[in-house]
Amino acid sequence: FSKTGQRWGNPIYNWKHLKETNFEFLLDRLLYNAKIFDIIRLDHFRAFDTYYQIESKYETAEIGEWIVAPGYEFFDEMFKRAPHIEIIAEDLGDLRPEVYDLRDHYRFPGMKVIEFTFEDDHLNLTPQIPDVENMVSYISTHDNDTLLGWFNGLESDVKKRMKSSDRKST
């Protein structure tokens, strides 16, 4: 949400080395979590398709490049080791079609956030629920306000219309 992009300063996984080791490091972490949790949500799922790499010498994310990741190879190996693992793909944001292809290839559920289903101009109070199968709905994420915070931030006339039984747009 920045004009200069998001530069978190995190190191990028060495995908070449990970491939050489059959993704052992990542799979060990993932499979350990599968012992603890019934379902695992993979944040930033898009990075299994492509990820943005920035050289450490740059202070912003304005200069970088998109790199293709070995997502299919990774998930094929994951299912060899854990065929019944349950994954949710965090597929929010401006994504290229290949991310959805990867998600759908493995039938991973995607995500929808309830407040994002309303029109941005707050004129249309009927949620615009996409015709999507195999998804999980959330009331918020770590990147946006809570549902109550979002609602409390609306203009009073919009709140009144949302609370009323007559939710016709103006």
Protein backbone atom coordinates (compact mmCIF):
# COMPACT_ATOMS: atom_id res chain seq x y z
CA PHE A 1 0.00 0.00 0.00
CA SER A 2 2.89 2.32 -0.76
CA LYS A 3 3.96 4.32 -3.81
CA THR A 4 7.45 2.86 -3.45
CA GLY A 5 6.23 -0.72 -3.00
CA GLN A 6 6.61 -3.04 -0.05
CA ARG A 7 10.18 -3.74 1.00
CA TRP A 8 10.16 -5.90 4.08
CA GLY A 9 13.87 -6.70 4.15
CA ASN A 10 13.32 -10.46 4.36
CA PRO A 11 15.75 -12.77 2.61
CA ILE A 12 14.46 -14.72 -0.38
CA TYR A 13 14.50 -18.50 -0.23
CA ASN A 14 17.23 -20.08 -2.32
CA TRP A 15 14.87 -21.96 -4.62
CA LYS A 16 17.74 -23.54 -6.55
CA HIS A 17 19.07 -25.13 -3.36
CA LEU A 18 15.58 -26.04 -2.18
CA LYS A 19 14.93 -27.88 -5.45
CA GLU A 20 18.24 -29.74 -5.13
CA THR A 21 17.15 -30.97 -1.68
CA ASN A 22 13.58 -31.83 -2.75
CA PHE A 23 12.38 -28.79 -0.79
CA GLU A 24 13.28 -30.53 2.47
CA PHE A 25 13.60 -27.36 4.55
CA LEU A 26 10.18 -25.98 3.58
CA LEU A 27 8.45 -29.34 3.62
CA ASP A 28 9.77 -30.19 7.08
CA ARG A 29 8.29 -26.93 8.38
CA LEU A 30 5.01 -27.45 6.58
CA LEU A 31 4.63 -31.09 7.59
CA TYR A 32 5.39 -30.26 11.22
CA ASN A 33 2.56 -27.72 11.12
CA ALA A 34 0.29 -30.34 9.58
CA LYS A 35 0.77 -32.41 12.73
CA ILE A 36 -0.49 -29.52 14.85
CA PHE A 37 -3.19 -28.00 12.65
CA ASP A 38 -5.97 -29.55 10.59
CA ILE A 39 -5.67 -26.92 7.84
CA ILE A 40 -2.72 -24.67 6.94
CA ARG A 41 -3.14 -21.30 5.26
CA LEU A 42 -0.23 -20.33 3.05
CA ASP A 43 0.08 -16.55 3.19
CA HIS A 44 1.44 -14.87 0.09
CA PHE A 45 0.55 -17.93 -1.96
CA ARG A 46 1.39 -15.96 -5.10
CA ALA A 47 5.08 -16.43 -4.26
CA PHE A 48 4.78 -20.08 -5.24
CA ASP A 49 4.08 -18.79 -8.76
CA THR A 50 6.26 -15.67 -8.91
CA TYR A 51 7.95 -13.57 -6.26
CA TYR A 52 9.45 -10.09 -6.31
CA GLN A 53 13.18 -9.89 -5.66
CA ILE A 54 14.87 -6.67 -4.59
CA GLU A 55 18.62 -6.28 -4.22
CA SER A 56 19.53 -5.37 -0.64
CA LYS A 57 21.29 -2.18 -1.78
CA TYR A 58 17.94 -0.58 -2.68
CA GLU A 59 15.95 1.14 0.05
CA THR A 60 12.58 0.84 -1.71
CA ALA A 61 10.81 -1.79 -3.77
CA GLU A 62 10.78 0.36 -6.89
CA ILE A 63 13.69 -1.53 -8.44
CA GLY A 64 13.32 -5.29 -8.50
CA GLU A 65 12.25 -8.16 -10.69
CA TRP A 66 9.61 -10.86 -10.75
CA ILE A 67 11.09 -14.35 -10.59
CA VAL A 68 9.23 -17.54 -11.53
CA ALA A 69 9.02 -19.97 -8.61
CA PRO A 70 8.88 -23.77 -8.83
CA GLY A 71 5.38 -23.99 -7.35
CA TYR A 72 4.24 -27.08 -9.22
CA GLU A 73 7.43 -28.96 -8.34
CA PHE A 74 7.10 -27.94 -4.69
CA PHE A 75 3.45 -28.99 -4.33
CA ASP A 76 4.02 -32.23 -6.26
CA GLU A 77 6.74 -33.11 -3.76
CA MET A 78 4.57 -32.03 -0.85
CA PHE A 79 1.74 -34.34 -1.93
CA LYS A 80 4.20 -37.23 -2.39
CA ARG A 81 5.17 -36.87 1.26
CA ALA A 82 1.76 -35.87 2.63
CA PRO A 83 -1.06 -36.74 0.25
CA HIS A 84 -3.82 -35.71 2.68
CA ILE A 85 -2.47 -32.32 3.76
CA GLU A 86 -5.09 -29.54 3.78
CA ILE A 87 -3.99 -26.15 2.38
CA ILE A 88 -5.78 -22.80 2.00
CA ALA A 89 -4.18 -20.44 -0.53
CA GLU A 90 -4.12 -16.78 0.48
CA ASP A 91 -4.92 -15.49 -3.00
CA LEU A 92 -5.79 -11.86 -2.27
CA GLY A 93 -4.59 -8.86 -4.19
CA ASP A 94 -3.63 -8.11 -7.76
CA LEU A 95 -2.61 -11.53 -9.05
CA ARG A 96 -1.73 -12.85 -12.47
CA PRO A 97 -3.93 -15.67 -13.84
CA GLU A 98 -1.14 -18.22 -13.34
CA VAL A 99 -1.53 -17.91 -9.56
CA TYR A 100 -5.16 -19.05 -9.83
CA ASP A 101 -4.10 -21.82 -12.23
CA LEU A 102 -1.62 -23.09 -9.63
CA ARG A 103 -4.20 -22.85 -6.83
CA ASP A 104 -6.87 -24.61 -8.89
CA HIS A 105 -4.51 -27.31 -10.17
CA TYR A 106 -4.22 -28.59 -6.59
CA ARG A 107 -7.82 -27.67 -5.67
CA PHE A 108 -6.67 -25.44 -2.82
CA PRO A 109 -9.44 -23.25 -1.45
CA GLY A 110 -8.85 -19.53 -1.97
CA MET A 111 -9.81 -16.66 0.32
CA LYS A 112 -12.38 -13.88 0.35
CA VAL A 113 -12.62 -11.05 2.90
CA ILE A 114 -16.20 -9.97 3.66
CA GLU A 115 -15.60 -6.21 3.70
CA PHE A 116 -13.91 -6.42 0.29
CA THR A 117 -17.13 -7.81 -1.19
CA PHE A 118 -18.85 -4.42 -0.79
CA GLU A 119 -18.42 -1.73 -3.41
CA ASP A 120 -15.60 0.70 -2.61
CA ASP A 121 -17.84 3.74 -2.98
CA HIS A 122 -20.19 2.38 -0.26
CA LEU A 123 -23.19 3.12 -2.50
CA ASN A 124 -24.03 -0.48 -3.21
CA LEU A 125 -24.62 -2.17 0.12
CA THR A 126 -25.33 -5.58 -1.33
CA PRO A 127 -22.22 -7.70 -1.10
CA GLN A 128 -20.78 -8.57 -4.50
CA ILE A 129 -20.05 -12.21 -3.77
CA PRO A 130 -18.21 -13.73 -6.70
CA ASP A 131 -19.40 -17.00 -8.15
CA VAL A 132 -16.48 -18.95 -6.76
CA GLU A 133 -16.38 -22.46 -5.45
CA ASN A 134 -13.81 -23.78 -3.04
CA MET A 135 -13.14 -20.67 -0.97
CA VAL A 136 -12.89 -19.69 2.68
CA SER A 137 -14.39 -16.41 3.91
CA TYR A 138 -12.71 -14.22 6.52
CA ILE A 139 -14.00 -11.18 8.34
CA SER A 140 -10.56 -9.53 8.10
CA THR A 141 -6.87 -10.24 7.73
CA HIS A 142 -3.67 -8.84 9.21
CA ASP A 143 -3.59 -6.34 6.29
CA ASN A 144 -6.90 -4.61 6.92
CA ASP A 145 -9.07 -3.31 9.72
CA THR A 146 -11.34 -5.63 11.67
CA LEU A 147 -14.90 -5.90 10.41
CA LEU A 148 -16.10 -3.79 13.36
CA GLY A 149 -13.37 -1.21 12.76
CA TRP A 150 -14.28 -1.04 9.08
CA PHE A 151 -17.98 -0.66 9.90
CA ASN A 152 -17.30 2.02 12.53
CA GLY A 153 -15.28 3.96 9.94
CA LEU A 154 -18.19 4.20 7.52
CA GLU A 155 -20.17 7.42 7.17
CA SER A 156 -23.26 7.50 9.37
CA ASP A 157 -25.75 7.38 6.48
CA VAL A 158 -24.05 4.28 5.08
CA LYS A 159 -24.17 2.60 8.51
CA LYS A 160 -27.88 3.40 8.78
CA ARG A 161 -28.56 1.87 5.36
CA MET A 162 -26.54 -1.23 6.24
CA LYS A 163 -28.48 -1.69 9.46
CA SER A 164 -31.88 -1.19 7.84
CA SER A 165 -33.85 -3.93 6.21
CA ASP A 166 -34.12 -1.79 3.04
CA ARG A 167 -30.62 -2.01 1.59
CA LYS A 168 -31.34 -0.54 -1.82
CA SER A 169 -28.43 1.40 -3.28
CA THR A 170 -28.87 5.13 -3.89
